[in-house]
Amino acid sequence: MISVIIPVYNSAAYIAQTLDSVTAQRGYSDGRSMEIILVDDGSGDDTVKVVRDYVN
């Protein structure tokens, strides 16, 4: 398993692109399991909403 930890703060404008980039990496696209942990320190924008929409 590959673990990726990404700190985020007011990242709504680019977090979906970041997640696209991480999931496009070779280890993940080769069928290996990956966990992505996002650590949000109280963003005041829509970061959490964007991530929830991305997951769904």
PDB file of N, CA and C in Angstrom:
ATOM      1  N   MET A   1       0.850  -1.180   0.000  1.00  0.00           N
ATOM      2  CA  MET A   1       0.000   0.000   0.000  1.00  0.00           C
ATOM      3  C   MET A   1       0.892   1.239   0.000  1.00  0.00           C
ATOM      4  N   ILE A   2       0.465   2.216  -0.746  1.00  0.00           N
ATOM      5  CA  ILE A   2       1.136   3.512  -0.793  1.00  0.00           C
ATOM      6  C   ILE A   2       0.286   4.499  -0.011  1.00  0.00           C
ATOM      7  N   SER A   3       0.913   5.243   0.888  1.00  0.00           N
ATOM      8  CA  SER A   3       0.221   6.285   1.651  1.00  0.00           C
ATOM      9  C   SER A   3       0.749   7.646   1.220  1.00  0.00           C
ATOM     10  N   VAL A   4      -0.167   8.551   0.947  1.00  0.00           N
ATOM     11  CA  VAL A   4       0.189   9.919   0.568  1.00  0.00           C
ATOM     12  C   VAL A   4      -0.529  10.853   1.526  1.00  0.00           C
ATOM     13  N   ILE A   5       0.224  11.720   2.184  1.00  0.00           N
ATOM     14  CA  ILE A   5      -0.354  12.687   3.113  1.00  0.00           C
ATOM     15  C   ILE A   5      -0.184  14.070   2.510  1.00  0.00           C
ATOM     16  N   ILE A   6      -1.308  14.791   2.389  1.00  0.00           N
ATOM     17  CA  ILE A   6      -1.296  16.111   1.765  1.00  0.00           C
ATOM     18  C   ILE A   6      -1.889  17.125   2.734  1.00  0.00           C
ATOM     19  N   PRO A   7      -1.078  18.070   3.216  1.00  0.00           N
ATOM     20  CA  PRO A   7      -1.639  19.150   4.027  1.00  0.00           C
ATOM     21  C   PRO A   7      -2.343  20.147   3.112  1.00  0.00           C
ATOM     22  N   VAL A   8      -3.517  20.594   3.511  1.00  0.00           N
ATOM     23  CA  VAL A   8      -4.262  21.554   2.689  1.00  0.00           C
ATOM     24  C   VAL A   8      -4.759  22.706   3.547  1.00  0.00           C
ATOM     25  N   TYR A   9      -4.805  23.867   2.954  1.00  0.00           N
ATOM     26  CA  TYR A   9      -5.384  25.041   3.604  1.00  0.00           C
ATOM     27  C   TYR A   9      -5.840  25.989   2.506  1.00  0.00           C
ATOM     28  N   ASN A  10      -7.130  26.235   2.441  1.00  0.00           N
ATOM     29  CA  ASN A  10      -7.714  27.069   1.387  1.00  0.00           C
ATOM     30  C   ASN A  10      -7.219  26.627   0.006  1.00  0.00           C
ATOM     31  N   SER A  11      -7.431  25.363  -0.274  1.00  0.00           N
ATOM     32  CA  SER A  11      -6.911  24.744  -1.490  1.00  0.00           C
ATOM     33  C   SER A  11      -7.983  24.393  -2.510  1.00  0.00           C
ATOM     34  N   ALA A  12      -9.167  24.946  -2.367  1.00  0.00           N
ATOM     35  CA  ALA A  12     -10.281  24.571  -3.244  1.00  0.00           C
ATOM     36  C   ALA A  12      -9.957  24.777  -4.720  1.00  0.00           C
ATOM     37  N   ALA A  13      -9.173  25.784  -5.029  1.00  0.00           N
ATOM     38  CA  ALA A  13      -8.889  26.110  -6.428  1.00  0.00           C
ATOM     39  C   ALA A  13      -8.041  25.052  -7.128  1.00  0.00           C
ATOM     40  N   TYR A  14      -7.259  24.285  -6.375  1.00  0.00           N
ATOM     41  CA  TYR A  14      -6.359  23.342  -7.034  1.00  0.00           C
ATOM     42  C   TYR A  14      -6.320  21.932  -6.440  1.00  0.00           C
ATOM     43  N   ILE A  15      -7.101  21.641  -5.425  1.00  0.00           N
ATOM     44  CA  ILE A  15      -7.010  20.325  -4.788  1.00  0.00           C
ATOM     45  C   ILE A  15      -7.459  19.195  -5.721  1.00  0.00           C
ATOM     46  N   ALA A  16      -8.443  19.414  -6.565  1.00  0.00           N
ATOM     47  CA  ALA A  16      -8.869  18.360  -7.501  1.00  0.00           C
ATOM     48  C   ALA A  16      -7.741  18.025  -8.470  1.00  0.00           C
ATOM     49  N   GLN A  17      -7.018  19.033  -8.951  1.00  0.00           N
ATOM     50  CA  GLN A  17      -5.876  18.792  -9.840  1.00  0.00           C
ATOM     51  C   GLN A  17      -4.776  18.030  -9.108  1.00  0.00           C
ATOM     52  N   THR A  18      -4.580  18.368  -7.843  1.00  0.00           N
ATOM     53  CA  THR A  18      -3.581  17.661  -7.039  1.00  0.00           C
ATOM     54  C   THR A  18      -3.956  16.192  -6.893  1.00  0.00           C
ATOM     55  N   LEU A  19      -5.217  15.925  -6.593  1.00  0.00           N
ATOM     56  CA  LEU A  19      -5.668  14.541  -6.442  1.00  0.00           C
ATOM     57  C   LEU A  19      -5.582  13.787  -7.766  1.00  0.00           C
ATOM     58  N   ASP A  20      -5.901  14.451  -8.870  1.00  0.00           N
ATOM     59  CA  ASP A  20      -5.737  13.831 -10.190  1.00  0.00           C
ATOM     60  C   ASP A  20      -4.283  13.433 -10.419  1.00  0.00           C
ATOM     61  N   SER A  21      -3.380  14.319 -10.069  1.00  0.00           N
ATOM     62  CA  SER A  21      -1.955  14.058 -10.256  1.00  0.00           C
ATOM     63  C   SER A  21      -1.486  12.887  -9.401  1.00  0.00           C
ATOM     64  N   VAL A  22      -1.908  12.856  -8.155  1.00  0.00           N
ATOM     65  CA  VAL A  22      -1.495  11.776  -7.252  1.00  0.00           C
ATOM     66  C   VAL A  22      -2.032  10.437  -7.744  1.00  0.00           C
ATOM     67  N   THR A  23      -3.295  10.385  -8.120  1.00  0.00           N
ATOM     68  CA  THR A  23      -3.886   9.113  -8.545  1.00  0.00           C
ATOM     69  C   THR A  23      -3.397   8.666  -9.920  1.00  0.00           C
ATOM     70  N   ALA A  24      -2.794   9.564 -10.680  1.00  0.00           N
ATOM     71  CA  ALA A  24      -2.260   9.204 -11.993  1.00  0.00           C
ATOM     72  C   ALA A  24      -0.849   8.618 -11.906  1.00  0.00           C
ATOM     73  N   GLN A  25      -0.255   8.633 -10.737  1.00  0.00           N
ATOM     74  CA  GLN A  25       1.104   8.115 -10.583  1.00  0.00           C
ATOM     75  C   GLN A  25       1.142   6.619 -10.838  1.00  0.00           C
ATOM     76  N   ARG A  26       2.272   6.142 -11.252  1.00  0.00           N
ATOM     77  CA  ARG A  26       2.424   4.768 -11.706  1.00  0.00           C
ATOM     78  C   ARG A  26       1.981   3.716 -10.690  1.00  0.00           C
ATOM     79  N   GLY A  27       2.349   3.832  -9.444  1.00  0.00           N
ATOM     80  CA  GLY A  27       1.992   2.826  -8.450  1.00  0.00           C
ATOM     81  C   GLY A  27       0.496   2.635  -8.314  1.00  0.00           C
ATOM     82  N   TYR A  28      -0.246   3.732  -8.361  1.00  0.00           N
ATOM     83  CA  TYR A  28      -1.699   3.653  -8.214  1.00  0.00           C
ATOM     84  C   TYR A  28      -2.337   3.101  -9.477  1.00  0.00           C
ATOM     85  N   SER A  29      -1.905   3.582 -10.612  1.00  0.00           N
ATOM     86  CA  SER A  29      -2.532   3.149 -11.862  1.00  0.00           C
ATOM     87  C   SER A  29      -2.161   1.710 -12.218  1.00  0.00           C
ATOM     88  N   ASP A  30      -1.135   1.157 -11.569  1.00  0.00           N
ATOM     89  CA  ASP A  30      -0.762  -0.238 -11.795  1.00  0.00           C
ATOM     90  C   ASP A  30      -1.599  -1.209 -10.973  1.00  0.00           C
ATOM     91  N   GLY A  31      -2.576  -0.704 -10.237  1.00  0.00           N
ATOM     92  CA  GLY A  31      -3.468  -1.562  -9.479  1.00  0.00           C
ATOM     93  C   GLY A  31      -3.112  -1.735  -8.021  1.00  0.00           C
ATOM     94  N   ARG A  32      -2.067  -1.092  -7.574  1.00  0.00           N
ATOM     95  CA  ARG A  32      -1.715  -1.168  -6.154  1.00  0.00           C
ATOM     96  C   ARG A  32      -2.684  -0.309  -5.357  1.00  0.00           C
ATOM     97  N   SER A  33      -2.855  -0.672  -4.104  1.00  0.00           N
ATOM     98  CA  SER A  33      -3.754   0.125  -3.276  1.00  0.00           C
ATOM     99  C   SER A  33      -3.039   1.382  -2.782  1.00  0.00           C
ATOM    100  N   MET A  34      -3.824   2.428  -2.607  1.00  0.00           N
ATOM    101  CA  MET A  34      -3.281   3.704  -2.167  1.00  0.00           C
ATOM    102  C   MET A  34      -4.270   4.347  -1.220  1.00  0.00           C
ATOM    103  N   GLU A  35      -3.741   4.962  -0.165  1.00  0.00           N
ATOM    104  CA  GLU A  35      -4.579   5.790   0.682  1.00  0.00           C
ATOM    105  C   GLU A  35      -4.059   7.214   0.573  1.00  0.00           C
ATOM    106  N   ILE A  36      -4.988   8.143   0.481  1.00  0.00           N
ATOM    107  CA  ILE A  36      -4.636   9.556   0.425  1.00  0.00           C
ATOM    108  C   ILE A  36      -5.244  10.201   1.659  1.00  0.00           C
ATOM    109  N   ILE A  37      -4.391  10.792   2.461  1.00  0.00           N
ATOM    110  CA  ILE A  37      -4.828  11.441   3.693  1.00  0.00           C
ATOM    111  C   ILE A  37      -4.663  12.939   3.517  1.00  0.00           C
ATOM    112  N   LEU A  38      -5.770  13.660   3.602  1.00  0.00           N
ATOM    113  CA  LEU A  38      -5.736  15.116   3.513  1.00  0.00           C
ATOM    114  C   LEU A  38      -5.892  15.682   4.914  1.00  0.00           C
ATOM    115  N   VAL A  39      -5.011  16.583   5.281  1.00  0.00           N
ATOM    116  CA  VAL A  39      -5.050  17.212   6.596  1.00  0.00           C
ATOM    117  C   VAL A  39      -5.397  18.675   6.380  1.00  0.00           C
ATOM    118  N   ASP A  40      -6.613  19.059   6.784  1.00  0.00           N
ATOM    119  CA  ASP A  40      -7.103  20.425   6.586  1.00  0.00           C
ATOM    120  C   ASP A  40      -7.076  21.165   7.914  1.00  0.00           C
ATOM    121  N   ASP A  41      -6.420  22.304   7.934  1.00  0.00           N
ATOM    122  CA  ASP A  41      -6.288  23.083   9.165  1.00  0.00           C
ATOM    123  C   ASP A  41      -7.248  24.271   9.163  1.00  0.00           C
ATOM    124  N   GLY A  42      -8.536  23.975   8.991  1.00  0.00           N
ATOM    125  CA  GLY A  42      -9.557  25.013   9.106  1.00  0.00           C
ATOM    126  C   GLY A  42      -9.691  25.925   7.901  1.00  0.00           C
ATOM    127  N   SER A  43      -9.669  25.362   6.722  1.00  0.00           N
ATOM    128  CA  SER A  43      -9.828  26.177   5.518  1.00  0.00           C
ATOM    129  C   SER A  43     -11.113  26.983   5.565  1.00  0.00           C
ATOM    130  N   GLY A  44     -11.054  28.202   5.054  1.00  0.00           N
ATOM    131  CA  GLY A  44     -12.228  29.061   5.012  1.00  0.00           C
ATOM    132  C   GLY A  44     -12.927  29.040   3.667  1.00  0.00           C
ATOM    133  N   ASP A  45     -12.391  28.268   2.734  1.00  0.00           N
ATOM    134  CA  ASP A  45     -13.008  28.186   1.410  1.00  0.00           C
ATOM    135  C   ASP A  45     -13.734  26.844   1.275  1.00  0.00           C
ATOM    136  N   ASP A  46     -13.958  26.394   0.066  1.00  0.00           N
ATOM    137  CA  ASP A  46     -14.721  25.165  -0.188  1.00  0.00           C
ATOM    138  C   ASP A  46     -13.841  23.932  -0.362  1.00  0.00           C
ATOM    139  N   THR A  47     -12.674  23.909   0.252  1.00  0.00           N
ATOM    140  CA  THR A  47     -11.767  22.773   0.105  1.00  0.00           C
ATOM    141  C   THR A  47     -12.451  21.460   0.459  1.00  0.00           C
ATOM    142  N   VAL A  48     -13.119  21.407   1.593  1.00  0.00           N
ATOM    143  CA  VAL A  48     -13.761  20.163   2.039  1.00  0.00           C
ATOM    144  C   VAL A  48     -14.845  19.740   1.059  1.00  0.00           C
ATOM    145  N   LYS A  49     -15.633  20.667   0.571  1.00  0.00           N
ATOM    146  CA  LYS A  49     -16.690  20.345  -0.397  1.00  0.00           C
ATOM    147  C   LYS A  49     -16.096  19.794  -1.691  1.00  0.00           C
ATOM    148  N   VAL A  50     -15.028  20.418  -2.170  1.00  0.00           N
ATOM    149  CA  VAL A  50     -14.388  19.961  -3.405  1.00  0.00           C
ATOM    150  C   VAL A  50     -13.871  18.533  -3.232  1.00  0.00           C
ATOM    151  N   VAL A  51     -13.254  18.255  -2.102  1.00  0.00           N
ATOM    152  CA  VAL A  51     -12.737  16.907  -1.845  1.00  0.00           C
ATOM    153  C   VAL A  51     -13.882  15.905  -1.753  1.00  0.00           C
ATOM    154  N   ARG A  52     -14.939  16.253  -1.055  1.00  0.00           N
ATOM    155  CA  ARG A  52     -16.095  15.338  -0.960  1.00  0.00           C
ATOM    156  C   ARG A  52     -16.690  15.060  -2.338  1.00  0.00           C
ATOM    157  N   ASP A  53     -16.827  16.092  -3.148  1.00  0.00           N
ATOM    158  CA  ASP A  53     -17.337  15.903  -4.507  1.00  0.00           C
ATOM    159  C   ASP A  53     -16.393  15.021  -5.323  1.00  0.00           C
ATOM    160  N   TYR A  54     -15.108  15.198  -5.140  1.00  0.00           N
ATOM    161  CA  TYR A  54     -14.112  14.413  -5.871  1.00  0.00           C
ATOM    162  C   TYR A  54     -14.228  12.933  -5.505  1.00  0.00           C
ATOM    163  N   VAL A  55     -14.385  12.663  -4.231  1.00  0.00           N
ATOM    164  CA  VAL A  55     -14.476  11.277  -3.763  1.00  0.00           C
ATOM    165  C   VAL A  55     -15.729  10.605  -4.307  1.00  0.00           C
ATOM    166  N   ASN A  56     -16.821  11.348  -4.352  1.00  0.00           N
ATOM    167  CA  ASN A  56     -18.079  10.778  -4.832  1.00  0.00           C
ATOM    168  C   ASN A  56     -18.101  10.800  -6.328  1.00  0.00           C
TER     169      ASN A  56
END
